[in-house]
Amino acid sequence: QVQLVESGGGLVQPGGSLRLSCAASGRTFSSYPMAWFHQAPGKDREFVGAISRSGAISYYTNSVKGRFTISRDNAKNTVYLQMNSLKPEDTAVYYCAVVRRFIFGTMIPVGEVDYWGQGTQVTVSS
């Protein structure tokens, strides 16, 4: 069993930055890959990016490449999502997740998520 708690969401102007955090407890944090998803109003939950167990490798959906960065600190049992150059279309609830596997270059479907956080709202608006 894993518990995930996100924080760091809020309201930001277009072009601004936010850093989301996700603190994990339960199992050995370094034993599983992590991912971030988002869900905009009226839309399905979508993959944003993922990071390997060690943190050495990460992969992103095309819409956020070059703007978002995922990192993890296994000593602190925490994964981060640094979001820069934010756009109004980034507005969504953001969820961190424990995923079963991570293969570089492959998007992860929601069906391969073992545990979800509660989500944190990110609103990009002037």
Foldseek 3Di string as FASTA:
>chain_A
DKAKAKDWADEAAQQAKTKMKIAMDDDQLLPFKKFKWWDDPPGDIFGAKIAHSVQPDIEGDPVQPPFWDWGDDSVRRMIMIIGGSDDQVVWTWMKMFTFDDDDHPDTDDPVRTDDIYPTDTHGYHD
